Amino acid sequence: MGQDVSYHSLFDFKEISQGNVADGNQDHFELFAQDLLKAKGFYVERSVTRGRDGKKDMIVSEVMKGAVGEKKVFALVSCKHNAHSGKSVNDVIFDNVNSVLQQYDCEVFIGFYSTVVSSGVEEELQRHKDSRASSLKGYHIVDRSVIVEWLVETAETLNVFKRHMPVSYRRYISSDSFSGVYSEVPTAACHYCGVDVFDGFDGNVHTIREVKYQGFSDCVEVNKIRDVYFTCSEHADIRKCDYSQNFQGSCIVHDKSKVLSCVSPLGYIKKLMDDVRLIRSGYYSFDDDSFRKWSNLQRALFYFVSRSVESPSKNLFISRFNNYHLK
């Protein structure tokens, strides 16, 4: 194993092309922002366009739910990609921002930045938010640390990470910044070709369940997990065998999940707790071999979820459990 590395150093935003170099990729950062915001649940109302002043704007929306109804809130997204120079964002030309807010009926400003922002930026935004003459009702700064947090949050955001920053993604997945309780990196062989599906996380986890009903009712008599196995992306749709021959008189249910969705922290804990709840309720049961496979899967996946985090931000993984006070 190599030397442990700083968590944040795994993420190199210089993989994303510069915006001031006319090489055909100058909109890369804005497209990255658009994809990540979509993965976070925003709807893109107006895609990346370049205005008359040369600045690029994007309009997104989010549905806010309250006790008496829902409201669709529109936000202006402003992107600045200073990772190549390392400079902080120290200005927001608000005359332009305010006119765009009014033009597109936006209430919120989102600053999406690959570096940090100076205190003056937030002070300026707060000043305009407090002004009665301004259309601004709220703002959110998505700087480097927030983007890092978002990239590893769900299977959808991990896909954005993998697509736009492939070198960093590979470094993150294979880094030695894990919990320290494993002696080596786990592997998972495709049932058909033996390829390690943890190498790139392009494969699938398959769960085979035997379901038997009582007579012609909807009441489940048997819901037993009979097999757990892996396939690479090339063999994703090939069935391992005809299980109906093995469990005649039962309905065979074939569940398939992307490995990538299982190694995101939120995806992992959600799926694990869902399974535990179903096992505890008696809805799921196992035979000895399938339980061994399921248990080994959880232990293997935990390697990729339990990586150590250097000086985590207050919103990073640990905060997902801040309401749990176990004694």
C-alpha atoms as a PDB file:
ATOM      1  CA  MET A   1       0.000   0.000   0.000  1.00  0.00           C
ATOM      2  CA  GLY A   2       1.157   3.539  -0.706  1.00  0.00           C
ATOM      3  CA  GLN A   3       1.417   6.484   1.607  1.00  0.00           C
ATOM      4  CA  ASP A   4      -1.746   7.988   3.018  1.00  0.00           C
ATOM      5  CA  VAL A   5      -2.614  11.244   1.259  1.00  0.00           C
ATOM      6  CA  SER A   6      -4.548  14.335   2.226  1.00  0.00           C
ATOM      7  CA  TYR A   7      -8.243  13.824   1.495  1.00  0.00           C
ATOM      8  CA  HIS A   8      -8.757  17.106  -0.348  1.00  0.00           C
ATOM      9  CA  SER A   9      -5.625  16.619  -2.442  1.00  0.00           C
ATOM     10  CA  LEU A  10      -7.398  13.702  -4.153  1.00  0.00           C
ATOM     11  CA  PHE A  11      -9.631  16.194  -5.976  1.00  0.00           C
ATOM     12  CA  ASP A  12      -7.804  18.071  -8.728  1.00  0.00           C
ATOM     13  CA  PHE A  13     -10.132  20.635 -10.297  1.00  0.00           C
ATOM     14  CA  LYS A  14      -7.459  21.461 -12.869  1.00  0.00           C
ATOM     15  CA  GLU A  15      -8.696  18.376 -14.732  1.00  0.00           C
ATOM     16  CA  ILE A  16     -11.561  20.624 -15.815  1.00  0.00           C
ATOM     17  CA  SER A  17     -10.510  22.782 -18.758  1.00  0.00           C
ATOM     18  CA  GLN A  18      -9.800  26.483 -18.315  1.00  0.00           C
ATOM     19  CA  GLY A  19     -12.531  28.872 -19.304  1.00  0.00           C
ATOM     20  CA  ASN A  20     -10.220  31.445 -20.865  1.00  0.00           C
ATOM     21  CA  VAL A  21      -8.524  29.124 -23.374  1.00  0.00           C
ATOM     22  CA  ALA A  22     -10.282  28.829 -26.720  1.00  0.00           C
ATOM     23  CA  ASP A  23      -9.749  25.106 -27.248  1.00  0.00           C
ATOM     24  CA  GLY A  24     -13.378  24.068 -27.625  1.00  0.00           C
ATOM     25  CA  ASN A  25     -13.627  23.051 -23.971  1.00  0.00           C
ATOM     26  CA  GLN A  26     -13.916  26.496 -22.410  1.00  0.00           C
ATOM     27  CA  ASP A  27     -17.434  25.755 -21.130  1.00  0.00           C
ATOM     28  CA  HIS A  28     -16.343  22.561 -19.361  1.00  0.00           C
ATOM     29  CA  PHE A  29     -16.676  23.936 -15.828  1.00  0.00           C
ATOM     30  CA  GLU A  30     -20.145  25.340 -16.474  1.00  0.00           C
ATOM     31  CA  LEU A  31     -21.274  21.997 -17.926  1.00  0.00           C
ATOM     32  CA  PHE A  32     -19.763  20.259 -14.891  1.00  0.00           C
ATOM     33  CA  ALA A  33     -21.737  22.596 -12.609  1.00  0.00           C
ATOM     34  CA  GLN A  34     -24.897  21.909 -14.589  1.00  0.00           C
ATOM     35  CA  ASP A  35     -24.484  18.132 -14.316  1.00  0.00           C
ATOM     36  CA  LEU A  36     -23.710  18.260 -10.603  1.00  0.00           C
ATOM     37  CA  LEU A  37     -26.677  20.507  -9.813  1.00  0.00           C
ATOM     38  CA  LYS A  38     -28.953  18.161 -11.765  1.00  0.00           C
ATOM     39  CA  ALA A  39     -27.557  15.206  -9.800  1.00  0.00           C
ATOM     40  CA  LYS A  40     -28.377  17.115  -6.607  1.00  0.00           C
ATOM     41  CA  GLY A  41     -32.013  17.439  -7.648  1.00  0.00           C
ATOM     42  CA  PHE A  42     -32.125  20.869  -9.286  1.00  0.00           C
ATOM     43  CA  TYR A  43     -33.983  21.310 -12.565  1.00  0.00           C
ATOM     44  CA  VAL A  44     -32.102  23.225 -15.258  1.00  0.00           C
ATOM     45  CA  GLU A  45     -34.496  25.865 -16.581  1.00  0.00           C
ATOM     46  CA  ARG A  46     -31.948  27.590 -18.817  1.00  0.00           C
ATOM     47  CA  SER A  47     -28.754  25.829 -19.797  1.00  0.00           C
ATOM     48  CA  VAL A  48     -25.324  27.399 -20.024  1.00  0.00           C
ATOM     49  CA  THR A  49     -25.363  30.411 -22.339  1.00  0.00           C
ATOM     50  CA  ARG A  50     -22.971  33.290 -22.871  1.00  0.00           C
ATOM     51  CA  GLY A  51     -24.432  36.755 -22.386  1.00  0.00           C
ATOM     52  CA  ARG A  52     -23.612  39.956 -24.219  1.00  0.00           C
ATOM     53  CA  ASP A  53     -21.007  40.831 -21.613  1.00  0.00           C
ATOM     54  CA  GLY A  54     -19.207  37.530 -22.186  1.00  0.00           C
ATOM     55  CA  LYS A  55     -20.322  36.081 -18.852  1.00  0.00           C
ATOM     56  CA  LYS A  56     -22.058  32.714 -18.713  1.00  0.00           C
ATOM     57  CA  ASP A  57     -25.339  32.328 -16.883  1.00  0.00           C
ATOM     58  CA  MET A  58     -27.468  29.351 -15.937  1.00  0.00           C
ATOM     59  CA  ILE A  59     -30.954  29.256 -14.401  1.00  0.00           C
ATOM     60  CA  VAL A  60     -32.014  26.344 -12.176  1.00  0.00           C
ATOM     61  CA  SER A  61     -35.081  25.730 -10.061  1.00  0.00           C
ATOM     62  CA  GLU A  62     -35.964  23.773  -6.951  1.00  0.00           C
ATOM     63  CA  VAL A  63     -39.359  22.921  -5.523  1.00  0.00           C
ATOM     64  CA  MET A  64     -39.640  24.018  -1.901  1.00  0.00           C
ATOM     65  CA  LYS A  65     -42.273  22.156   0.101  1.00  0.00           C
ATOM     66  CA  GLY A  66     -44.073  23.739   3.047  1.00  0.00           C
ATOM     67  CA  ALA A  67     -46.925  22.894   5.371  1.00  0.00           C
ATOM     68  CA  VAL A  68     -49.565  24.353   3.053  1.00  0.00           C
ATOM     69  CA  GLY A  69     -48.133  23.744  -0.400  1.00  0.00           C
ATOM     70  CA  GLU A  70     -45.181  23.915  -2.750  1.00  0.00           C
ATOM     71  CA  LYS A  71     -43.292  26.757  -4.384  1.00  0.00           C
ATOM     72  CA  LYS A  72     -40.915  26.636  -7.313  1.00  0.00           C
ATOM     73  CA  VAL A  73     -37.882  28.805  -6.593  1.00  0.00           C
ATOM     74  CA  PHE A  74     -35.658  30.013  -9.438  1.00  0.00           C
ATOM     75  CA  ALA A  75     -31.937  30.587  -8.950  1.00  0.00           C
ATOM     76  CA  LEU A  76     -29.239  32.236 -11.029  1.00  0.00           C
ATOM     77  CA  VAL A  77     -26.027  30.204 -11.111  1.00  0.00           C
ATOM     78  CA  SER A  78     -22.752  32.068 -11.625  1.00  0.00           C
ATOM     79  CA  CYS A  79     -19.616  29.976 -12.212  1.00  0.00           C
ATOM     80  CA  LYS A  80     -15.967  30.920 -11.733  1.00  0.00           C
ATOM     81  CA  HIS A  81     -13.211  28.399 -12.406  1.00  0.00           C
ATOM     82  CA  ASN A  82     -10.011  29.724 -10.826  1.00  0.00           C
ATOM     83  CA  ALA A  83      -8.448  26.353  -9.962  1.00  0.00           C
ATOM     84  CA  HIS A  84      -5.698  26.763 -12.584  1.00  0.00           C
ATOM     85  CA  SER A  85      -4.549  30.081 -11.085  1.00  0.00           C
ATOM     86  CA  GLY A  86      -5.434  29.240  -7.489  1.00  0.00           C
ATOM     87  CA  LYS A  87      -6.953  32.676  -6.952  1.00  0.00           C
ATOM     88  CA  SER A  88      -9.928  33.099  -4.668  1.00  0.00           C
ATOM     89  CA  VAL A  89     -13.149  34.618  -5.971  1.00  0.00           C
ATOM     90  CA  ASN A  90     -13.117  38.185  -4.768  1.00  0.00           C
ATOM     91  CA  ASP A  91     -15.778  39.937  -6.803  1.00  0.00           C
ATOM     92  CA  VAL A  92     -19.366  39.595  -7.938  1.00  0.00           C
ATOM     93  CA  ILE A  93     -20.469  42.286 -10.374  1.00  0.00           C
ATOM     94  CA  PHE A  94     -23.892  42.618  -8.848  1.00  0.00           C
ATOM     95  CA  ASP A  95     -25.345  45.172 -11.268  1.00  0.00           C
ATOM     96  CA  ASN A  96     -25.288  42.445 -13.913  1.00  0.00           C
ATOM     97  CA  VAL A  97     -26.465  39.784 -11.478  1.00  0.00           C
ATOM     98  CA  ASN A  98     -29.424  41.845 -10.294  1.00  0.00           C
ATOM     99  CA  SER A  99     -30.585  42.562 -13.839  1.00  0.00           C
ATOM    100  CA  VAL A 100     -30.512  38.846 -14.687  1.00  0.00           C
ATOM    101  CA  LEU A 101     -32.383  38.035 -11.472  1.00  0.00           C
ATOM    102  CA  GLN A 102     -35.128  40.429 -12.528  1.00  0.00           C
ATOM    103  CA  GLN A 103     -35.133  39.248 -16.145  1.00  0.00           C
ATOM    104  CA  TYR A 104     -35.700  35.588 -15.244  1.00  0.00           C
ATOM    105  CA  ASP A 105     -37.733  36.109 -12.065  1.00  0.00           C
ATOM    106  CA  CYS A 106     -34.990  34.597  -9.900  1.00  0.00           C
ATOM    107  CA  GLU A 107     -34.919  35.012  -6.141  1.00  0.00           C
ATOM    108  CA  VAL A 108     -31.723  33.129  -5.318  1.00  0.00           C
ATOM    109  CA  PHE A 109     -28.077  33.492  -6.353  1.00  0.00           C
ATOM    110  CA  ILE A 110     -25.806  30.415  -6.428  1.00  0.00           C
ATOM    111  CA  GLY A 111     -22.072  31.001  -6.744  1.00  0.00           C
ATOM    112  CA  PHE A 112     -20.409  27.848  -8.043  1.00  0.00           C
ATOM    113  CA  TYR A 113     -16.624  28.170  -7.633  1.00  0.00           C
ATOM    114  CA  SER A 114     -13.651  25.796  -7.931  1.00  0.00           C
ATOM    115  CA  THR A 115     -11.692  27.765  -5.311  1.00  0.00           C
ATOM    116  CA  VAL A 116     -12.665  29.620  -2.149  1.00  0.00           C
ATOM    117  CA  VAL A 117     -14.348  33.014  -1.910  1.00  0.00           C
ATOM    118  CA  SER A 118     -13.179  36.105  -0.123  1.00  0.00           C
ATOM    119  CA  SER A 119     -15.218  37.483   2.766  1.00  0.00           C
ATOM    120  CA  GLY A 120     -16.075  40.468   0.601  1.00  0.00           C
ATOM    121  CA  VAL A 121     -18.175  38.349  -1.757  1.00  0.00           C
ATOM    122  CA  GLU A 122     -20.522  37.146   0.972  1.00  0.00           C
ATOM    123  CA  GLU A 123     -20.658  40.628   2.468  1.00  0.00           C
ATOM    124  CA  GLU A 124     -21.689  42.037  -0.908  1.00  0.00           C
ATOM    125  CA  LEU A 125     -24.345  39.371  -1.386  1.00  0.00           C
ATOM    126  CA  GLN A 126     -25.703  39.897   2.114  1.00  0.00           C
ATOM    127  CA  ARG A 127     -25.856  43.629   1.529  1.00  0.00           C
ATOM    128  CA  HIS A 128     -27.924  43.172  -1.619  1.00  0.00           C
ATOM    129  CA  LYS A 129     -30.122  40.573   0.058  1.00  0.00           C
ATOM    130  CA  ASP A 130     -30.929  43.109   2.788  1.00  0.00           C
ATOM    131  CA  SER A 131     -31.673  45.862   0.251  1.00  0.00           C
ATOM    132  CA  ARG A 132     -35.336  46.468  -0.525  1.00  0.00           C
ATOM    133  CA  ALA A 133     -34.389  47.531  -4.044  1.00  0.00           C
ATOM    134  CA  SER A 134     -32.817  44.165  -4.800  1.00  0.00           C
ATOM    135  CA  SER A 135     -34.568  41.066  -6.187  1.00  0.00           C
ATOM    136  CA  LEU A 136     -32.258  38.820  -4.172  1.00  0.00           C
ATOM    137  CA  LYS A 137     -34.001  36.824  -1.433  1.00  0.00           C
ATOM    138  CA  GLY A 138     -31.224  34.329  -0.693  1.00  0.00           C
ATOM    139  CA  TYR A 139     -27.840  33.032  -1.826  1.00  0.00           C
ATOM    140  CA  HIS A 140     -25.679  29.928  -1.533  1.00  0.00           C
ATOM    141  CA  ILE A 141     -21.940  29.662  -2.082  1.00  0.00           C
ATOM    142  CA  VAL A 142     -20.874  26.315  -3.548  1.00  0.00           C
ATOM    143  CA  ASP A 143     -17.098  26.534  -3.236  1.00  0.00           C
ATOM    144  CA  ARG A 144     -14.418  23.878  -3.552  1.00  0.00           C
ATOM    145  CA  SER A 145     -15.131  22.204  -0.216  1.00  0.00           C
ATOM    146  CA  VAL A 146     -18.867  21.982  -0.891  1.00  0.00           C
ATOM    147  CA  ILE A 147     -18.273  20.559  -4.369  1.00  0.00           C
ATOM    148  CA  VAL A 148     -15.961  17.904  -2.880  1.00  0.00           C
ATOM    149  CA  GLU A 149     -18.692  17.005  -0.406  1.00  0.00           C
ATOM    150  CA  TRP A 150     -21.324  16.756  -3.119  1.00  0.00           C
ATOM    151  CA  LEU A 151     -19.200  14.690  -5.523  1.00  0.00           C
ATOM    152  CA  VAL A 152     -19.064  11.656  -3.234  1.00  0.00           C
ATOM    153  CA  GLU A 153     -22.553  11.939  -1.780  1.00  0.00           C
ATOM    154  CA  THR A 154     -24.687   9.682  -4.012  1.00  0.00           C
ATOM    155  CA  ALA A 155     -24.377   7.345  -6.981  1.00  0.00           C
ATOM    156  CA  GLU A 156     -25.587  10.172  -9.230  1.00  0.00           C
ATOM    157  CA  THR A 157     -22.950  12.630  -8.035  1.00  0.00           C
ATOM    158  CA  LEU A 158     -20.239   9.965  -8.178  1.00  0.00           C
ATOM    159  CA  ASN A 159     -21.145   9.479 -11.835  1.00  0.00           C
ATOM    160  CA  VAL A 160     -20.618  13.206 -12.422  1.00  0.00           C
ATOM    161  CA  PHE A 161     -17.276  12.959 -10.606  1.00  0.00           C
ATOM    162  CA  LYS A 162     -16.206   9.986 -12.723  1.00  0.00           C
ATOM    163  CA  ARG A 163     -17.235  11.643 -16.008  1.00  0.00           C
ATOM    164  CA  HIS A 164     -15.721  15.099 -15.499  1.00  0.00           C
ATOM    165  CA  MET A 165     -12.697  14.332 -13.280  1.00  0.00           C
ATOM    166  CA  PRO A 166     -11.699  10.747 -14.173  1.00  0.00           C
ATOM    167  CA  VAL A 167      -8.136  10.923 -12.828  1.00  0.00           C
ATOM    168  CA  SER A 168      -9.268  12.322  -9.473  1.00  0.00           C
ATOM    169  CA  TYR A 169     -12.118   9.818  -9.323  1.00  0.00           C
ATOM    170  CA  ARG A 170      -9.722   6.951  -9.846  1.00  0.00           C
ATOM    171  CA  ARG A 171      -7.376   8.368  -7.213  1.00  0.00           C
ATOM    172  CA  TYR A 172     -10.277   8.751  -4.756  1.00  0.00           C
ATOM    173  CA  ILE A 173     -11.517   5.194  -5.275  1.00  0.00           C
ATOM    174  CA  SER A 174      -8.066   3.608  -5.016  1.00  0.00           C
ATOM    175  CA  SER A 175      -6.584   5.880  -2.355  1.00  0.00           C
ATOM    176  CA  ASP A 176      -5.186   4.521   0.894  1.00  0.00           C
ATOM    177  CA  SER A 177      -7.333   6.953   2.879  1.00  0.00           C
ATOM    178  CA  PHE A 178      -9.479   4.207   4.327  1.00  0.00           C
ATOM    179  CA  SER A 179     -10.312   3.176   7.872  1.00  0.00           C
ATOM    180  CA  GLY A 180      -7.181   1.126   8.525  1.00  0.00           C
ATOM    181  CA  VAL A 181      -9.063  -2.047   9.500  1.00  0.00           C
ATOM    182  CA  TYR A 182      -8.387  -3.924   6.238  1.00  0.00           C
ATOM    183  CA  SER A 183      -5.156  -5.664   5.328  1.00  0.00           C
ATOM    184  CA  GLU A 184      -5.759  -5.390   1.577  1.00  0.00           C
ATOM    185  CA  VAL A 185      -8.185  -3.976  -0.977  1.00  0.00           C
ATOM    186  CA  PRO A 186     -11.288  -6.192  -1.431  1.00  0.00           C
ATOM    187  CA  THR A 187     -12.099  -7.598  -4.860  1.00  0.00           C
ATOM    188  CA  ALA A 188     -15.309  -8.922  -6.420  1.00  0.00           C
ATOM    189  CA  ALA A 189     -15.067 -11.165  -9.474  1.00  0.00           C
ATOM    190  CA  CYS A 190     -17.600 -11.121 -12.295  1.00  0.00           C
ATOM    191  CA  HIS A 191     -19.349 -14.499 -12.284  1.00  0.00           C
ATOM    192  CA  TYR A 192     -18.757 -14.924 -16.027  1.00  0.00           C
ATOM    193  CA  CYS A 193     -15.309 -13.532 -16.833  1.00  0.00           C
ATOM    194  CA  GLY A 194     -13.588 -12.988 -13.466  1.00  0.00           C
ATOM    195  CA  VAL A 195     -13.021  -9.233 -13.958  1.00  0.00           C
ATOM    196  CA  ASP A 196     -12.861  -7.328 -10.664  1.00  0.00           C
ATOM    197  CA  VAL A 197     -16.041  -5.213 -10.619  1.00  0.00           C
ATOM    198  CA  PHE A 198     -14.604  -3.063  -7.811  1.00  0.00           C
ATOM    199  CA  ASP A 199     -11.951  -1.883 -10.279  1.00  0.00           C
ATOM    200  CA  GLY A 200     -13.826   1.093 -11.729  1.00  0.00           C
ATOM    201  CA  PHE A 201     -17.218   0.161 -10.241  1.00  0.00           C
ATOM    202  CA  ASP A 202     -18.834  -0.442 -13.624  1.00  0.00           C
ATOM    203  CA  GLY A 203     -20.470  -3.700 -12.588  1.00  0.00           C
ATOM    204  CA  ASN A 204     -23.605  -4.886 -10.852  1.00  0.00           C
ATOM    205  CA  VAL A 205     -24.651  -6.734  -7.706  1.00  0.00           C
ATOM    206  CA  HIS A 206     -27.358  -9.348  -8.295  1.00  0.00           C
ATOM    207  CA  THR A 207     -29.655 -10.697  -5.576  1.00  0.00           C
ATOM    208  CA  ILE A 208     -31.891 -13.689  -6.268  1.00  0.00           C
ATOM    209  CA  ARG A 209     -34.959 -14.117  -4.061  1.00  0.00           C
ATOM    210  CA  GLU A 210     -37.357 -17.052  -3.870  1.00  0.00           C
ATOM    211  CA  VAL A 211     -40.892 -15.793  -3.189  1.00  0.00           C
ATOM    212  CA  LYS A 212     -43.785 -18.144  -2.450  1.00  0.00           C
ATOM    213  CA  TYR A 213     -47.344 -17.039  -1.764  1.00  0.00           C
ATOM    214  CA  GLN A 214     -50.013 -18.716   0.336  1.00  0.00           C
ATOM    215  CA  GLY A 215     -52.459 -20.160  -2.154  1.00  0.00           C
ATOM    216  CA  PHE A 216     -53.784 -17.444  -4.442  1.00  0.00           C
ATOM    217  CA  SER A 217     -53.489 -14.661  -1.872  1.00  0.00           C
ATOM    218  CA  ASP A 218     -50.991 -11.798  -1.703  1.00  0.00           C
ATOM    219  CA  CYS A 219     -49.692 -13.116   1.611  1.00  0.00           C
ATOM    220  CA  VAL A 220     -46.012 -14.052   1.323  1.00  0.00           C
ATOM    221  CA  GLU A 221     -45.146 -17.425   2.821  1.00  0.00           C
ATOM    222  CA  VAL A 222     -41.479 -17.513   1.766  1.00  0.00           C
ATOM    223  CA  ASN A 223     -39.169 -14.606   0.806  1.00  0.00           C
ATOM    224  CA  LYS A 224     -35.726 -16.095   0.953  1.00  0.00           C
ATOM    225  CA  ILE A 225     -32.514 -14.709  -0.547  1.00  0.00           C
ATOM    226  CA  ARG A 226     -30.980 -17.606  -2.446  1.00  0.00           C
ATOM    227  CA  ASP A 227     -27.945 -16.083  -4.135  1.00  0.00           C
ATOM    228  CA  VAL A 228     -25.759 -12.972  -4.336  1.00  0.00           C
ATOM    229  CA  TYR A 229     -23.270 -12.555  -7.183  1.00  0.00           C
ATOM    230  CA  PHE A 230     -21.495  -9.958  -9.346  1.00  0.00           C
ATOM    231  CA  THR A 231     -21.251  -9.189 -13.046  1.00  0.00           C
ATOM    232  CA  CYS A 232     -19.187  -6.697 -14.988  1.00  0.00           C
ATOM    233  CA  SER A 233     -20.965  -4.176 -17.228  1.00  0.00           C
ATOM    234  CA  GLU A 234     -20.390  -6.372 -20.291  1.00  0.00           C
ATOM    235  CA  HIS A 235     -22.251  -9.304 -18.728  1.00  0.00           C
ATOM    236  CA  ALA A 236     -24.797  -7.270 -16.765  1.00  0.00           C
ATOM    237  CA  ASP A 237     -27.888  -8.784 -18.398  1.00  0.00           C
ATOM    238  CA  ILE A 238     -26.826 -12.437 -18.424  1.00  0.00           C
ATOM    239  CA  ARG A 239     -28.606 -14.564 -15.844  1.00  0.00           C
ATOM    240  CA  LYS A 240     -26.477 -16.903 -13.769  1.00  0.00           C
ATOM    241  CA  CYS A 241     -28.845 -19.859 -14.245  1.00  0.00           C
ATOM    242  CA  ASP A 242     -32.507 -20.791 -14.490  1.00  0.00           C
ATOM    243  CA  TYR A 243     -33.423 -20.650 -10.807  1.00  0.00           C
ATOM    244  CA  SER A 244     -37.020 -21.651 -11.550  1.00  0.00           C
ATOM    245  CA  GLN A 245     -35.740 -25.190 -12.111  1.00  0.00           C
ATOM    246  CA  ASN A 246     -34.250 -25.212  -8.609  1.00  0.00           C
ATOM    247  CA  PHE A 247     -37.236 -23.726  -6.766  1.00  0.00           C
ATOM    248  CA  GLN A 248     -40.304 -25.033  -8.553  1.00  0.00           C
ATOM    249  CA  GLY A 249     -43.616 -23.650  -7.357  1.00  0.00           C
ATOM    250  CA  SER A 250     -42.008 -20.363  -6.315  1.00  0.00           C
ATOM    251  CA  CYS A 251     -41.673 -16.965  -7.965  1.00  0.00           C
ATOM    252  CA  ILE A 252     -38.049 -15.983  -8.635  1.00  0.00           C
ATOM    253  CA  VAL A 253     -37.274 -12.275  -8.176  1.00  0.00           C
ATOM    254  CA  HIS A 254     -34.032 -10.959  -9.655  1.00  0.00           C
ATOM    255  CA  ASP A 255     -32.830  -7.649  -8.131  1.00  0.00           C
ATOM    256  CA  LYS A 256     -29.912  -5.828  -9.761  1.00  0.00           C
ATOM    257  CA  SER A 257     -28.048  -2.796  -8.365  1.00  0.00           C
ATOM    258  CA  LYS A 258     -25.137  -0.778  -9.715  1.00  0.00           C
ATOM    259  CA  VAL A 259     -21.977  -1.326  -7.671  1.00  0.00           C
ATOM    260  CA  LEU A 260     -21.355   2.427  -7.862  1.00  0.00           C
ATOM    261  CA  SER A 261     -24.597   3.118  -5.987  1.00  0.00           C
ATOM    262  CA  CYS A 262     -23.474   0.768  -3.206  1.00  0.00           C
ATOM    263  CA  VAL A 263     -20.185   2.564  -2.489  1.00  0.00           C
ATOM    264  CA  SER A 264     -21.566   6.075  -2.049  1.00  0.00           C
ATOM    265  CA  PRO A 265     -21.787   6.741   1.707  1.00  0.00           C
ATOM    266  CA  LEU A 266     -25.491   7.583   1.683  1.00  0.00           C
ATOM    267  CA  GLY A 267     -26.341   4.781  -0.740  1.00  0.00           C
ATOM    268  CA  TYR A 268     -24.466   2.245   1.358  1.00  0.00           C
ATOM    269  CA  ILE A 269     -26.023   3.086   4.713  1.00  0.00           C
ATOM    270  CA  LYS A 270     -29.529   3.409   3.223  1.00  0.00           C
ATOM    271  CA  LYS A 271     -29.381   0.010   1.503  1.00  0.00           C
ATOM    272  CA  LEU A 272     -27.805  -1.661   4.535  1.00  0.00           C
ATOM    273  CA  MET A 273     -30.428  -0.326   6.942  1.00  0.00           C
ATOM    274  CA  ASP A 274     -33.240  -1.228   4.531  1.00  0.00           C
ATOM    275  CA  ASP A 275     -31.938  -4.804   4.423  1.00  0.00           C
ATOM    276  CA  VAL A 276     -31.531  -4.959   8.211  1.00  0.00           C
ATOM    277  CA  ARG A 277     -35.095  -3.694   8.682  1.00  0.00           C
ATOM    278  CA  LEU A 278     -36.464  -6.349   6.313  1.00  0.00           C
ATOM    279  CA  ILE A 279     -34.437  -9.081   8.006  1.00  0.00           C
ATOM    280  CA  ARG A 280     -35.562  -7.949  11.467  1.00  0.00           C
ATOM    281  CA  SER A 281     -39.229  -7.914  10.388  1.00  0.00           C
ATOM    282  CA  GLY A 282     -38.926 -11.458   9.098  1.00  0.00           C
ATOM    283  CA  TYR A 283     -39.723 -10.372   5.541  1.00  0.00           C
ATOM    284  CA  TYR A 284     -36.281 -11.533   4.341  1.00  0.00           C
ATOM    285  CA  SER A 285     -34.590 -14.784   5.238  1.00  0.00           C
ATOM    286  CA  PHE A 286     -31.416 -16.522   4.037  1.00  0.00           C
ATOM    287  CA  ASP A 287     -29.949 -19.927   3.645  1.00  0.00           C
ATOM    288  CA  ASP A 288     -26.425 -20.304   5.046  1.00  0.00           C
ATOM    289  CA  ASP A 289     -24.585 -19.822   1.742  1.00  0.00           C
ATOM    290  CA  SER A 290     -26.509 -16.733   0.630  1.00  0.00           C
ATOM    291  CA  PHE A 291     -26.110 -15.145   4.094  1.00  0.00           C
ATOM    292  CA  ARG A 292     -22.354 -15.703   3.888  1.00  0.00           C
ATOM    293  CA  LYS A 293     -22.292 -13.997   0.476  1.00  0.00           C
ATOM    294  CA  TRP A 294     -24.452 -11.096   1.678  1.00  0.00           C
ATOM    295  CA  SER A 295     -22.279 -10.609   4.792  1.00  0.00           C
ATOM    296  CA  ASN A 296     -19.070 -10.666   2.731  1.00  0.00           C
ATOM    297  CA  LEU A 297     -20.566  -8.089   0.377  1.00  0.00           C
ATOM    298  CA  GLN A 298     -21.294  -5.672   3.245  1.00  0.00           C
ATOM    299  CA  ARG A 299     -17.778  -6.054   4.636  1.00  0.00           C
ATOM    300  CA  ALA A 300     -16.195  -5.524   1.216  1.00  0.00           C
ATOM    301  CA  LEU A 301     -18.267  -2.448   0.419  1.00  0.00           C
ATOM    302  CA  PHE A 302     -17.450  -0.915   3.799  1.00  0.00           C
ATOM    303  CA  TYR A 303     -13.803  -0.648   2.750  1.00  0.00           C
ATOM    304  CA  PHE A 304     -14.751   1.935   0.118  1.00  0.00           C
ATOM    305  CA  VAL A 305     -17.195   3.801   2.370  1.00  0.00           C
ATOM    306  CA  SER A 306     -15.089   3.942   5.548  1.00  0.00           C
ATOM    307  CA  ARG A 307     -12.222   6.032   4.212  1.00  0.00           C
ATOM    308  CA  SER A 308     -10.761   8.512   6.657  1.00  0.00           C
ATOM    309  CA  VAL A 309     -11.468  12.196   6.112  1.00  0.00           C
ATOM    310  CA  GLU A 310      -8.905  14.863   6.933  1.00  0.00           C
ATOM    311  CA  SER A 311     -10.464  17.862   8.724  1.00  0.00           C
ATOM    312  CA  PRO A 312     -13.975  17.239   7.396  1.00  0.00           C
ATOM    313  CA  SER A 313     -16.264  20.197   6.859  1.00  0.00           C
ATOM    314  CA  LYS A 314     -19.241  20.402   9.185  1.00  0.00           C
ATOM    315  CA  ASN A 315     -21.499  19.068   6.431  1.00  0.00           C
ATOM    316  CA  LEU A 316     -19.374  16.095   5.421  1.00  0.00           C
ATOM    317  CA  PHE A 317     -20.014  12.430   6.195  1.00  0.00           C
ATOM    318  CA  ILE A 318     -19.941  12.749   9.971  1.00  0.00           C
ATOM    319  CA  SER A 319     -22.880  15.161   9.948  1.00  0.00           C
ATOM    320  CA  ARG A 320     -25.095  12.413   8.507  1.00  0.00           C
ATOM    321  CA  PHE A 321     -25.096  10.908  11.970  1.00  0.00           C
ATOM    322  CA  ASN A 322     -25.201  14.042  14.104  1.00  0.00           C
ATOM    323  CA  ASN A 323     -28.626  13.169  15.485  1.00  0.00           C
ATOM    324  CA  TYR A 324     -27.459   9.833  16.859  1.00  0.00           C
ATOM    325  CA  HIS A 325     -26.256   9.934  20.467  1.00  0.00           C
ATOM    326  CA  LEU A 326     -25.519   6.317  21.268  1.00  0.00           C
ATOM    327  CA  LYS A 327     -24.726   5.231  24.818  1.00  0.00           C
END
